[in-house]
């Protein structure tokens, strides 16, 4: 499986699935676009337009319905936390993505992370979240989660999350430019269990 962290929390999977596209430079047209929440560094209309065709499926939280319906003519699926979905054969479920002790991402907004089933491999994109009770219960093969702090969990809390979830592989995101710095990834890697593969792309 090919997973590319383009920038910040912008992730491309198998050249067909884009999560929170931002600062797109690669020339690719995708089948699915997943949006975790409407903040500017996760919902970039300009970048979405670079990678979609008229048939591209867009998936986003229900709370974004009014604003996104007026922008795109694409098929759009509006999702809520703790649900399961299948679109054109792609199975995925949602988890709530929110802050515990900050006001940037409130639970009542119903913003989400995604657990994708890609050819039998589960890939979890946690979204902008802290170490929530729901996140602790996730079972997944590959985990992408924020480590930058300020708006989300920091690298210490993220390492704690990884050691609880125990994925086969973890890829840290949400650091390096918009928030945090590149050194955080190395500090994060040192704190996770050695039997968990850590792939640093930023």
N, C-alpha and C. Protein backbone atom coordinates (compact mmCIF):
# COMPACT_ATOMS: atom_id res chain seq x y z
N UNK A 1 0.84 -1.20 0.00
CA UNK A 1 0.00 0.00 0.00
C UNK A 1 0.88 1.25 0.00
N UNK A 2 0.50 2.20 -0.83
CA UNK A 2 1.25 3.45 -0.94
C UNK A 2 0.54 4.55 -0.16
N UNK A 3 1.20 5.06 0.88
CA UNK A 3 0.65 6.16 1.67
C UNK A 3 1.66 7.30 1.65
N UNK A 4 1.22 8.45 1.17
CA UNK A 4 2.10 9.61 1.07
C UNK A 4 1.52 10.76 1.88
N UNK A 5 2.31 11.26 2.82
CA UNK A 5 1.93 12.48 3.52
C UNK A 5 2.43 13.66 2.69
N UNK A 6 1.50 14.32 2.05
CA UNK A 6 1.86 15.40 1.15
C UNK A 6 2.34 16.63 1.93
N UNK A 7 1.62 16.98 2.98
CA UNK A 7 1.92 18.19 3.75
C UNK A 7 1.01 18.21 4.96
N UNK A 8 1.57 18.45 6.14
CA UNK A 8 0.75 18.64 7.34
C UNK A 8 -0.10 17.39 7.63
N UNK A 9 -1.40 17.44 7.35
CA UNK A 9 -2.27 16.26 7.50
C UNK A 9 -2.89 15.85 6.17
N UNK A 10 -2.26 16.25 5.09
CA UNK A 10 -2.73 15.95 3.74
C UNK A 10 -2.12 14.63 3.30
N UNK A 11 -2.99 13.61 3.11
CA UNK A 11 -2.51 12.24 2.90
C UNK A 11 -3.13 11.63 1.65
N UNK A 12 -2.28 11.05 0.81
CA UNK A 12 -2.70 10.38 -0.42
C UNK A 12 -2.46 8.88 -0.28
N UNK A 13 -3.48 8.09 -0.57
CA UNK A 13 -3.37 6.63 -0.48
C UNK A 13 -3.62 6.02 -1.85
N UNK A 14 -2.64 5.25 -2.32
CA UNK A 14 -2.75 4.50 -3.59
C UNK A 14 -3.18 5.37 -4.77
N UNK A 15 -2.81 6.63 -4.74
CA UNK A 15 -3.14 7.56 -5.82
C UNK A 15 -4.64 7.61 -6.13
N UNK A 16 -5.48 7.19 -5.17
CA UNK A 16 -6.92 7.18 -5.44
C UNK A 16 -7.75 7.77 -4.30
N UNK A 17 -7.16 7.91 -3.12
CA UNK A 17 -7.86 8.43 -1.95
C UNK A 17 -7.06 9.57 -1.36
N UNK A 18 -7.68 10.73 -1.22
CA UNK A 18 -7.00 11.87 -0.59
C UNK A 18 -7.75 12.26 0.68
N UNK A 19 -7.00 12.41 1.75
CA UNK A 19 -7.58 12.89 3.01
C UNK A 19 -7.07 14.30 3.26
N UNK A 20 -7.99 15.23 3.48
CA UNK A 20 -7.66 16.63 3.81
C UNK A 20 -6.60 17.22 2.87
N UNK A 21 -6.84 17.21 1.56
CA UNK A 21 -5.82 17.69 0.62
C UNK A 21 -5.45 19.16 0.85
N UNK A 22 -4.15 19.42 0.86
CA UNK A 22 -3.64 20.77 1.10
C UNK A 22 -2.27 20.90 0.45
N UNK A 23 -2.03 22.04 -0.21
CA UNK A 23 -0.75 22.30 -0.88
C UNK A 23 -0.39 21.19 -1.86
N UNK A 24 -1.34 20.85 -2.71
CA UNK A 24 -1.15 19.75 -3.67
C UNK A 24 -0.14 20.14 -4.75
N UNK A 25 0.83 19.26 -4.97
CA UNK A 25 1.80 19.47 -6.04
C UNK A 25 1.81 18.29 -7.02
N UNK A 26 1.40 17.12 -6.58
CA UNK A 26 1.41 15.93 -7.43
C UNK A 26 0.19 15.94 -8.36
N UNK A 27 0.43 15.65 -9.61
CA UNK A 27 -0.64 15.62 -10.61
C UNK A 27 -1.36 14.28 -10.53
N UNK A 28 -2.48 14.24 -9.83
CA UNK A 28 -3.23 13.01 -9.65
C UNK A 28 -4.71 13.34 -9.55
N UNK A 29 -5.55 12.50 -10.13
CA UNK A 29 -7.00 12.65 -10.02
C UNK A 29 -7.52 11.45 -9.21
N UNK A 30 -8.24 11.72 -8.14
CA UNK A 30 -8.57 10.65 -7.21
C UNK A 30 -10.04 10.25 -7.28
N UNK A 31 -10.33 9.09 -6.73
CA UNK A 31 -11.69 8.56 -6.71
C UNK A 31 -12.47 9.04 -5.48
N UNK A 32 -11.72 9.29 -4.38
CA UNK A 32 -12.36 9.70 -3.14
C UNK A 32 -11.58 10.86 -2.50
N UNK A 33 -12.33 11.79 -1.92
CA UNK A 33 -11.74 12.84 -1.08
C UNK A 33 -12.45 12.79 0.27
N UNK A 34 -11.67 12.59 1.32
CA UNK A 34 -12.20 12.57 2.68
C UNK A 34 -11.79 13.84 3.41
N UNK A 35 -12.76 14.51 4.03
CA UNK A 35 -12.49 15.70 4.82
C UNK A 35 -12.85 15.40 6.28
N UNK A 36 -11.93 15.70 7.18
CA UNK A 36 -12.19 15.41 8.60
C UNK A 36 -12.98 16.52 9.29
N UNK A 37 -12.72 17.78 8.87
CA UNK A 37 -13.41 18.93 9.48
C UNK A 37 -13.11 20.17 8.66
N UNK A 38 -13.82 21.29 8.91
CA UNK A 38 -13.75 22.42 7.98
C UNK A 38 -12.65 23.45 8.22
N UNK A 39 -11.72 23.24 9.12
CA UNK A 39 -10.65 24.21 9.32
C UNK A 39 -9.81 24.34 8.05
N UNK A 40 -9.23 25.52 7.85
CA UNK A 40 -8.57 25.83 6.58
C UNK A 40 -7.46 24.86 6.20
N UNK A 41 -6.78 24.29 7.20
CA UNK A 41 -5.67 23.39 6.91
C UNK A 41 -6.12 21.95 6.67
N UNK A 42 -7.44 21.75 6.61
CA UNK A 42 -8.00 20.43 6.31
C UNK A 42 -9.05 20.48 5.20
N UNK A 43 -9.63 21.64 5.00
CA UNK A 43 -10.64 21.82 3.96
C UNK A 43 -10.22 22.97 3.05
N UNK A 44 -9.50 22.62 1.99
CA UNK A 44 -9.01 23.61 1.03
C UNK A 44 -9.72 23.40 -0.30
N UNK A 45 -10.63 24.28 -0.62
CA UNK A 45 -11.41 24.17 -1.86
C UNK A 45 -10.48 24.19 -3.07
N UNK A 46 -9.50 25.07 -3.03
CA UNK A 46 -8.56 25.20 -4.15
C UNK A 46 -7.85 23.88 -4.41
N UNK A 47 -7.42 23.21 -3.36
CA UNK A 47 -6.68 21.96 -3.54
C UNK A 47 -7.59 20.81 -3.90
N UNK A 48 -8.79 20.79 -3.39
CA UNK A 48 -9.74 19.74 -3.78
C UNK A 48 -10.02 19.82 -5.28
N UNK A 49 -10.18 21.02 -5.78
CA UNK A 49 -10.46 21.20 -7.21
C UNK A 49 -9.32 20.72 -8.10
N UNK A 50 -8.11 20.64 -7.57
CA UNK A 50 -6.97 20.17 -8.35
C UNK A 50 -6.99 18.67 -8.60
N UNK A 51 -7.73 17.93 -7.77
CA UNK A 51 -7.58 16.47 -7.78
C UNK A 51 -8.87 15.72 -8.07
N UNK A 52 -9.96 16.43 -8.35
CA UNK A 52 -11.24 15.74 -8.55
C UNK A 52 -11.68 15.77 -10.01
N UNK A 53 -12.43 14.73 -10.37
CA UNK A 53 -13.21 14.72 -11.60
C UNK A 53 -14.68 14.86 -11.20
N UNK A 54 -15.55 14.86 -12.17
CA UNK A 54 -16.98 14.99 -11.85
C UNK A 54 -17.50 13.77 -11.09
N UNK A 55 -16.76 12.65 -11.17
CA UNK A 55 -17.20 11.42 -10.52
C UNK A 55 -16.55 11.17 -9.16
N UNK A 56 -15.63 12.03 -8.76
CA UNK A 56 -14.96 11.85 -7.47
C UNK A 56 -15.97 11.96 -6.33
N UNK A 57 -15.90 11.00 -5.44
CA UNK A 57 -16.77 10.99 -4.26
C UNK A 57 -16.13 11.86 -3.16
N UNK A 58 -16.92 12.74 -2.59
CA UNK A 58 -16.45 13.57 -1.48
C UNK A 58 -17.17 13.12 -0.21
N UNK A 59 -16.40 12.91 0.84
CA UNK A 59 -16.96 12.47 2.12
C UNK A 59 -16.56 13.49 3.17
N UNK A 60 -17.53 13.97 3.94
CA UNK A 60 -17.23 14.99 4.95
C UNK A 60 -18.28 14.96 6.06
N UNK A 61 -18.00 15.60 7.19
CA UNK A 61 -18.97 15.62 8.29
C UNK A 61 -20.28 16.29 7.90
N UNK A 62 -21.36 15.81 8.48
CA UNK A 62 -22.68 16.37 8.22
C UNK A 62 -22.75 17.85 8.55
N UNK A 63 -21.98 18.28 9.52
CA UNK A 63 -22.00 19.70 9.92
C UNK A 63 -21.51 20.63 8.82
N UNK A 64 -20.86 20.09 7.78
CA UNK A 64 -20.36 20.91 6.68
C UNK A 64 -21.35 20.99 5.53
N UNK A 65 -22.51 20.42 5.67
CA UNK A 65 -23.45 20.26 4.55
C UNK A 65 -23.79 21.58 3.88
N UNK A 66 -24.13 22.59 4.63
CA UNK A 66 -24.58 23.86 4.04
C UNK A 66 -23.49 24.53 3.22
N UNK A 67 -22.26 24.51 3.71
CA UNK A 67 -21.20 25.21 2.99
C UNK A 67 -20.68 24.42 1.79
N UNK A 68 -20.58 23.11 1.89
CA UNK A 68 -19.98 22.34 0.80
C UNK A 68 -20.96 22.08 -0.34
N UNK A 69 -22.26 22.02 -0.04
CA UNK A 69 -23.26 21.79 -1.08
C UNK A 69 -23.28 22.88 -2.13
N UNK A 70 -22.88 24.07 -1.76
CA UNK A 70 -22.89 25.21 -2.67
C UNK A 70 -21.60 25.35 -3.47
N UNK A 71 -20.67 24.43 -3.27
CA UNK A 71 -19.36 24.54 -3.90
C UNK A 71 -19.12 23.49 -4.96
N UNK A 72 -19.45 22.24 -4.65
CA UNK A 72 -19.13 21.12 -5.54
C UNK A 72 -20.40 20.47 -6.09
N UNK A 73 -20.30 20.01 -7.34
CA UNK A 73 -21.40 19.26 -7.95
C UNK A 73 -21.19 17.75 -7.83
N UNK A 74 -20.14 17.37 -7.14
CA UNK A 74 -19.80 15.95 -7.02
C UNK A 74 -20.76 15.19 -6.11
N UNK A 75 -20.77 13.87 -6.22
CA UNK A 75 -21.48 13.06 -5.21
C UNK A 75 -20.85 13.30 -3.84
N UNK A 76 -21.66 13.63 -2.86
CA UNK A 76 -21.16 13.93 -1.52
C UNK A 76 -21.88 13.05 -0.50
N UNK A 77 -21.09 12.42 0.37
CA UNK A 77 -21.65 11.65 1.47
C UNK A 77 -21.34 12.38 2.77
N UNK A 78 -22.39 12.66 3.53
CA UNK A 78 -22.23 13.36 4.81
C UNK A 78 -22.26 12.33 5.93
N UNK A 79 -21.25 12.38 6.78
CA UNK A 79 -21.07 11.34 7.77
C UNK A 79 -21.15 11.90 9.19
N UNK A 80 -21.40 11.01 10.12
CA UNK A 80 -21.39 11.32 11.53
C UNK A 80 -20.52 10.30 12.26
N UNK A 81 -20.08 10.62 13.47
CA UNK A 81 -19.20 9.69 14.19
C UNK A 81 -19.87 8.36 14.51
N UNK A 82 -19.04 7.34 14.65
CA UNK A 82 -19.47 6.01 15.10
C UNK A 82 -20.44 5.33 14.14
N UNK A 83 -20.21 5.53 12.84
CA UNK A 83 -21.06 4.92 11.82
C UNK A 83 -20.19 4.15 10.82
N UNK A 84 -20.84 3.26 10.08
CA UNK A 84 -20.16 2.49 9.03
C UNK A 84 -20.78 2.81 7.68
N UNK A 85 -19.93 2.84 6.65
CA UNK A 85 -20.38 3.24 5.32
C UNK A 85 -19.68 2.38 4.26
N UNK A 86 -20.31 2.28 3.09
CA UNK A 86 -19.67 1.69 1.91
C UNK A 86 -20.01 2.56 0.71
N UNK A 87 -18.98 3.03 0.00
CA UNK A 87 -19.18 3.86 -1.20
C UNK A 87 -18.37 3.26 -2.34
N UNK A 88 -19.06 2.85 -3.40
CA UNK A 88 -18.39 2.26 -4.56
C UNK A 88 -17.43 1.15 -4.16
N UNK A 89 -17.83 0.35 -3.20
CA UNK A 89 -17.01 -0.79 -2.78
C UNK A 89 -16.00 -0.50 -1.69
N UNK A 90 -15.78 0.77 -1.38
CA UNK A 90 -14.84 1.13 -0.31
C UNK A 90 -15.59 1.17 1.02
N UNK A 91 -15.18 0.33 1.95
CA UNK A 91 -15.79 0.30 3.27
C UNK A 91 -14.99 1.16 4.23
N UNK A 92 -15.69 1.92 5.05
CA UNK A 92 -15.01 2.72 6.07
C UNK A 92 -15.97 3.00 7.22
N UNK A 93 -15.40 3.33 8.34
CA UNK A 93 -16.18 3.75 9.49
C UNK A 93 -15.62 5.07 10.02
N UNK A 94 -16.37 5.70 10.91
CA UNK A 94 -15.97 6.99 11.44
C UNK A 94 -15.78 6.91 12.95
N UNK A 95 -14.87 7.72 13.45
CA UNK A 95 -14.69 7.87 14.89
C UNK A 95 -14.76 9.36 15.22
N UNK A 96 -15.23 9.72 16.39
CA UNK A 96 -15.25 11.14 16.77
C UNK A 96 -13.84 11.67 16.93
N UNK A 97 -13.65 12.90 16.51
CA UNK A 97 -12.34 13.54 16.58
C UNK A 97 -12.53 14.89 17.27
N UNK A 98 -11.96 15.01 18.48
CA UNK A 98 -12.25 16.21 19.27
C UNK A 98 -11.19 16.44 20.35
N UNK A 99 -11.23 17.63 20.94
CA UNK A 99 -10.34 18.00 22.04
C UNK A 99 -10.97 17.68 23.38
N UNK A 100 -10.13 17.32 24.33
CA UNK A 100 -10.58 17.08 25.70
C UNK A 100 -10.45 18.32 26.57
N UNK A 101 -9.41 19.10 26.36
CA UNK A 101 -9.13 20.23 27.24
C UNK A 101 -8.84 21.52 26.47
N UNK A 102 -9.28 21.56 25.22
CA UNK A 102 -9.09 22.73 24.37
C UNK A 102 -10.40 23.02 23.65
N UNK A 103 -10.51 24.21 23.07
CA UNK A 103 -11.77 24.63 22.46
C UNK A 103 -11.75 24.63 20.94
N UNK A 104 -10.70 24.09 20.34
CA UNK A 104 -10.56 24.17 18.88
C UNK A 104 -11.46 23.17 18.15
N UNK A 105 -11.60 21.99 18.73
CA UNK A 105 -12.39 20.92 18.10
C UNK A 105 -13.31 20.34 19.17
N UNK A 106 -14.51 20.86 19.24
CA UNK A 106 -15.45 20.45 20.28
C UNK A 106 -16.20 19.18 19.86
N UNK A 107 -16.49 18.34 20.81
CA UNK A 107 -17.13 17.07 20.51
C UNK A 107 -18.49 17.26 19.84
N UNK A 108 -19.22 18.30 20.24
CA UNK A 108 -20.56 18.51 19.70
C UNK A 108 -20.56 18.91 18.22
N UNK A 109 -19.40 19.25 17.67
CA UNK A 109 -19.33 19.54 16.24
C UNK A 109 -19.48 18.28 15.40
N UNK A 110 -19.25 17.12 16.01
CA UNK A 110 -19.35 15.83 15.29
C UNK A 110 -18.37 15.73 14.12
N UNK A 111 -17.16 16.26 14.30
CA UNK A 111 -16.11 16.07 13.33
C UNK A 111 -15.51 14.68 13.50
N UNK A 112 -14.82 14.19 12.48
CA UNK A 112 -14.51 12.77 12.47
C UNK A 112 -13.07 12.45 12.06
N UNK A 113 -12.67 11.25 12.45
CA UNK A 113 -11.57 10.55 11.84
C UNK A 113 -12.15 9.38 11.06
N UNK A 114 -11.33 8.76 10.23
CA UNK A 114 -11.82 7.68 9.36
C UNK A 114 -11.00 6.41 9.55
N UNK A 115 -11.68 5.28 9.51
CA UNK A 115 -11.01 3.98 9.47
C UNK A 115 -11.37 3.33 8.13
N UNK A 116 -10.43 3.28 7.22
CA UNK A 116 -10.66 2.77 5.88
C UNK A 116 -10.25 1.30 5.80
N UNK A 117 -11.05 0.51 5.10
CA UNK A 117 -10.73 -0.89 4.82
C UNK A 117 -10.26 -0.96 3.37
N UNK A 118 -8.95 -1.07 3.19
CA UNK A 118 -8.38 -1.07 1.85
C UNK A 118 -7.78 -2.45 1.59
N UNK A 119 -8.50 -3.25 0.83
CA UNK A 119 -8.06 -4.61 0.51
C UNK A 119 -7.73 -5.40 1.77
N UNK A 120 -8.57 -5.25 2.77
CA UNK A 120 -8.41 -6.01 4.00
C UNK A 120 -7.44 -5.42 5.01
N UNK A 121 -6.83 -4.30 4.66
CA UNK A 121 -5.93 -3.60 5.58
C UNK A 121 -6.64 -2.37 6.13
N UNK A 122 -6.67 -2.22 7.44
CA UNK A 122 -7.36 -1.07 8.04
C UNK A 122 -6.38 0.08 8.23
N UNK A 123 -6.77 1.24 7.71
CA UNK A 123 -5.96 2.45 7.81
C UNK A 123 -6.79 3.50 8.55
N UNK A 124 -6.28 3.97 9.68
CA UNK A 124 -7.00 4.95 10.48
C UNK A 124 -6.35 6.31 10.38
N UNK A 125 -7.16 7.30 9.99
CA UNK A 125 -6.74 8.70 10.00
C UNK A 125 -7.49 9.35 11.15
N UNK A 126 -6.79 9.69 12.21
CA UNK A 126 -7.45 10.08 13.45
C UNK A 126 -8.11 11.45 13.39
N UNK A 127 -7.65 12.32 12.49
CA UNK A 127 -8.16 13.68 12.47
C UNK A 127 -7.53 14.52 13.57
N UNK A 128 -8.06 15.72 13.76
CA UNK A 128 -7.52 16.62 14.79
C UNK A 128 -8.16 16.27 16.13
N UNK A 129 -7.42 15.52 16.92
CA UNK A 129 -8.01 14.95 18.13
C UNK A 129 -7.00 14.91 19.26
N UNK A 130 -7.52 14.74 20.45
CA UNK A 130 -6.71 14.39 21.61
C UNK A 130 -6.82 12.89 21.83
N UNK A 131 -6.22 12.42 22.91
CA UNK A 131 -6.29 11.00 23.23
C UNK A 131 -7.63 10.73 23.92
N UNK A 132 -8.65 10.52 23.12
CA UNK A 132 -10.01 10.37 23.61
C UNK A 132 -10.29 8.91 23.98
N UNK A 133 -11.33 8.66 24.76
CA UNK A 133 -11.72 7.27 25.05
C UNK A 133 -12.03 6.47 23.79
N UNK A 134 -12.63 7.13 22.80
CA UNK A 134 -12.97 6.44 21.55
C UNK A 134 -11.71 6.04 20.77
N UNK A 135 -10.72 6.91 20.77
CA UNK A 135 -9.48 6.62 20.05
C UNK A 135 -8.75 5.44 20.69
N UNK A 136 -8.79 5.36 22.00
CA UNK A 136 -8.12 4.27 22.71
C UNK A 136 -8.66 2.90 22.30
N UNK A 137 -9.90 2.85 21.84
CA UNK A 137 -10.54 1.57 21.51
C UNK A 137 -10.33 1.15 20.06
N UNK A 138 -9.69 1.99 19.26
CA UNK A 138 -9.49 1.69 17.84
C UNK A 138 -8.56 0.50 17.66
N UNK A 139 -8.91 -0.39 16.73
CA UNK A 139 -8.05 -1.49 16.31
C UNK A 139 -7.73 -1.28 14.84
N UNK A 140 -6.46 -1.19 14.50
CA UNK A 140 -6.10 -0.85 13.12
C UNK A 140 -4.72 -1.35 12.79
N UNK A 141 -4.48 -1.55 11.50
CA UNK A 141 -3.15 -1.96 11.03
C UNK A 141 -2.20 -0.77 10.89
N UNK A 142 -2.72 0.30 10.31
CA UNK A 142 -1.90 1.50 10.07
C UNK A 142 -2.61 2.70 10.69
N UNK A 143 -1.87 3.50 11.44
CA UNK A 143 -2.44 4.62 12.17
C UNK A 143 -1.73 5.91 11.80
N UNK A 144 -2.51 6.90 11.39
CA UNK A 144 -1.98 8.25 11.17
C UNK A 144 -2.63 9.16 12.20
N UNK A 145 -1.80 9.82 13.00
CA UNK A 145 -2.37 10.65 14.04
C UNK A 145 -1.51 11.89 14.27
N UNK A 146 -2.12 12.97 14.78
CA UNK A 146 -1.41 14.23 14.96
C UNK A 146 -0.47 14.17 16.16
N UNK A 147 0.66 14.88 16.05
CA UNK A 147 1.62 14.90 17.15
C UNK A 147 2.05 16.32 17.51
N UNK A 148 1.54 17.33 16.80
CA UNK A 148 2.09 18.67 16.90
C UNK A 148 1.71 19.48 18.12
N UNK A 149 0.71 19.03 18.88
CA UNK A 149 0.28 19.80 20.03
C UNK A 149 -0.48 21.06 19.64
N UNK A 150 -0.71 21.94 20.58
CA UNK A 150 -1.45 23.20 20.44
C UNK A 150 -2.92 22.95 20.12
N UNK A 151 -3.21 22.44 18.93
CA UNK A 151 -4.59 22.20 18.51
C UNK A 151 -5.03 20.74 18.70
N UNK A 152 -4.06 19.87 18.93
CA UNK A 152 -4.32 18.43 19.05
C UNK A 152 -3.46 17.87 20.19
N UNK A 153 -3.43 16.58 20.31
CA UNK A 153 -2.49 15.94 21.23
C UNK A 153 -1.06 16.27 20.83
N UNK A 154 -0.16 16.26 21.80
CA UNK A 154 1.25 16.48 21.50
C UNK A 154 1.93 15.13 21.26
N UNK A 155 3.24 15.16 21.01
CA UNK A 155 3.92 13.92 20.63
C UNK A 155 3.96 12.90 21.77
N UNK A 156 3.98 13.37 23.01
CA UNK A 156 3.98 12.45 24.15
C UNK A 156 2.63 11.74 24.26
N UNK A 157 1.55 12.50 24.13
CA UNK A 157 0.21 11.90 24.18
C UNK A 157 -0.02 11.00 22.98
N UNK A 158 0.50 11.41 21.83
CA UNK A 158 0.36 10.58 20.62
C UNK A 158 1.09 9.25 20.78
N UNK A 159 2.27 9.28 21.37
CA UNK A 159 3.01 8.04 21.62
C UNK A 159 2.23 7.14 22.58
N UNK A 160 1.61 7.75 23.56
CA UNK A 160 0.77 6.98 24.49
C UNK A 160 -0.37 6.32 23.74
N UNK A 161 -0.98 7.06 22.83
CA UNK A 161 -2.08 6.51 22.02
C UNK A 161 -1.61 5.32 21.20
N UNK A 162 -0.46 5.44 20.58
CA UNK A 162 0.07 4.35 19.74
C UNK A 162 0.33 3.10 20.58
N UNK A 163 0.89 3.29 21.76
CA UNK A 163 1.21 2.15 22.61
C UNK A 163 -0.04 1.47 23.16
N UNK A 164 -1.14 2.19 23.21
CA UNK A 164 -2.42 1.60 23.61
C UNK A 164 -3.06 0.86 22.43
N UNK A 165 -3.08 1.50 21.27
CA UNK A 165 -3.75 0.95 20.09
C UNK A 165 -2.97 -0.21 19.47
N UNK A 166 -1.64 -0.10 19.50
CA UNK A 166 -0.75 -1.15 18.98
C UNK A 166 -0.98 -1.47 17.50
N UNK A 167 -0.90 -0.48 16.63
CA UNK A 167 -0.98 -0.77 15.19
C UNK A 167 0.32 -1.44 14.72
N UNK A 168 0.28 -1.97 13.51
CA UNK A 168 1.51 -2.51 12.94
C UNK A 168 2.45 -1.37 12.53
N UNK A 169 1.84 -0.29 12.04
CA UNK A 169 2.63 0.86 11.58
C UNK A 169 1.95 2.15 12.01
N UNK A 170 2.75 3.16 12.35
CA UNK A 170 2.22 4.48 12.64
C UNK A 170 2.95 5.52 11.79
N UNK A 171 2.18 6.49 11.31
CA UNK A 171 2.75 7.60 10.54
C UNK A 171 2.29 8.89 11.21
N UNK A 172 3.20 9.66 11.81
CA UNK A 172 2.79 10.91 12.46
C UNK A 172 2.49 12.01 11.44
N UNK A 173 1.49 12.83 11.76
CA UNK A 173 1.10 13.96 10.90
C UNK A 173 0.81 15.18 11.78
N UNK A 174 0.41 16.26 11.11
CA UNK A 174 -0.01 17.50 11.79
C UNK A 174 1.12 18.10 12.62
N UNK A 175 2.26 18.28 11.97
CA UNK A 175 3.41 18.94 12.61
C UNK A 175 4.35 19.39 11.50
N UNK A 176 5.29 20.24 11.85
CA UNK A 176 6.36 20.59 10.93
C UNK A 176 6.23 21.92 10.24
N UNK A 177 5.00 22.38 9.96
CA UNK A 177 4.80 23.65 9.27
C UNK A 177 3.75 24.50 9.98
N UNK A 178 2.51 24.05 9.92
CA UNK A 178 1.42 24.82 10.52
C UNK A 178 1.57 24.88 12.03
N UNK A 179 2.02 23.78 12.61
CA UNK A 179 2.22 23.70 14.05
C UNK A 179 3.34 22.71 14.32
N UNK A 180 4.08 22.93 15.41
CA UNK A 180 5.13 21.99 15.77
C UNK A 180 6.34 22.08 14.86
N UNK A 181 7.30 21.17 15.05
CA UNK A 181 8.51 21.15 14.24
C UNK A 181 8.91 19.71 13.94
N UNK A 182 9.84 19.58 13.02
CA UNK A 182 10.22 18.26 12.52
C UNK A 182 10.87 17.40 13.60
N UNK A 183 11.49 18.03 14.59
CA UNK A 183 12.16 17.27 15.66
C UNK A 183 11.16 16.45 16.48
N UNK A 184 9.91 16.89 16.49
CA UNK A 184 8.90 16.19 17.27
C UNK A 184 8.74 14.73 16.84
N UNK A 185 8.89 14.48 15.56
CA UNK A 185 8.70 13.13 15.05
C UNK A 185 9.73 12.17 15.64
N UNK A 186 10.97 12.61 15.75
CA UNK A 186 12.01 11.76 16.33
C UNK A 186 11.77 11.52 17.80
N UNK A 187 11.32 12.54 18.51
CA UNK A 187 10.99 12.37 19.94
C UNK A 187 9.82 11.41 20.11
N UNK A 188 8.85 11.54 19.21
CA UNK A 188 7.70 10.65 19.21
C UNK A 188 8.12 9.20 18.99
N UNK A 189 8.98 9.00 18.01
CA UNK A 189 9.43 7.65 17.65
C UNK A 189 10.13 6.98 18.82
N UNK A 190 10.88 7.73 19.59
CA UNK A 190 11.62 7.18 20.72
C UNK A 190 10.70 6.67 21.83
N UNK A 191 9.46 7.19 21.86
CA UNK A 191 8.54 6.86 22.95
C UNK A 191 7.61 5.69 22.64
N UNK A 192 7.57 5.27 21.38
CA UNK A 192 6.63 4.19 21.04
C UNK A 192 7.32 2.83 21.14
N UNK A 193 6.50 1.79 21.34
CA UNK A 193 7.03 0.44 21.46
C UNK A 193 7.86 0.07 20.23
N UNK A 194 8.98 -0.59 20.46
CA UNK A 194 9.93 -0.86 19.38
C UNK A 194 9.40 -1.84 18.35
N UNK A 195 8.38 -2.60 18.69
CA UNK A 195 7.83 -3.55 17.73
C UNK A 195 6.79 -2.92 16.80
N UNK A 196 6.56 -1.61 16.97
CA UNK A 196 5.65 -0.87 16.09
C UNK A 196 6.47 -0.06 15.10
N UNK A 197 6.24 -0.29 13.83
CA UNK A 197 6.98 0.44 12.79
C UNK A 197 6.54 1.90 12.77
N UNK A 198 7.49 2.80 12.78
CA UNK A 198 7.19 4.23 12.70
C UNK A 198 7.80 4.79 11.42
N UNK A 199 6.93 5.27 10.55
CA UNK A 199 7.38 5.81 9.27
C UNK A 199 7.23 7.33 9.29
N UNK A 200 8.36 8.02 9.27
CA UNK A 200 8.35 9.48 9.33
C UNK A 200 8.49 10.03 7.91
N UNK A 201 7.51 10.83 7.49
CA UNK A 201 7.50 11.36 6.12
C UNK A 201 7.66 12.88 6.07
N UNK A 202 7.47 13.54 7.18
CA UNK A 202 7.58 15.01 7.20
C UNK A 202 8.93 15.41 7.80
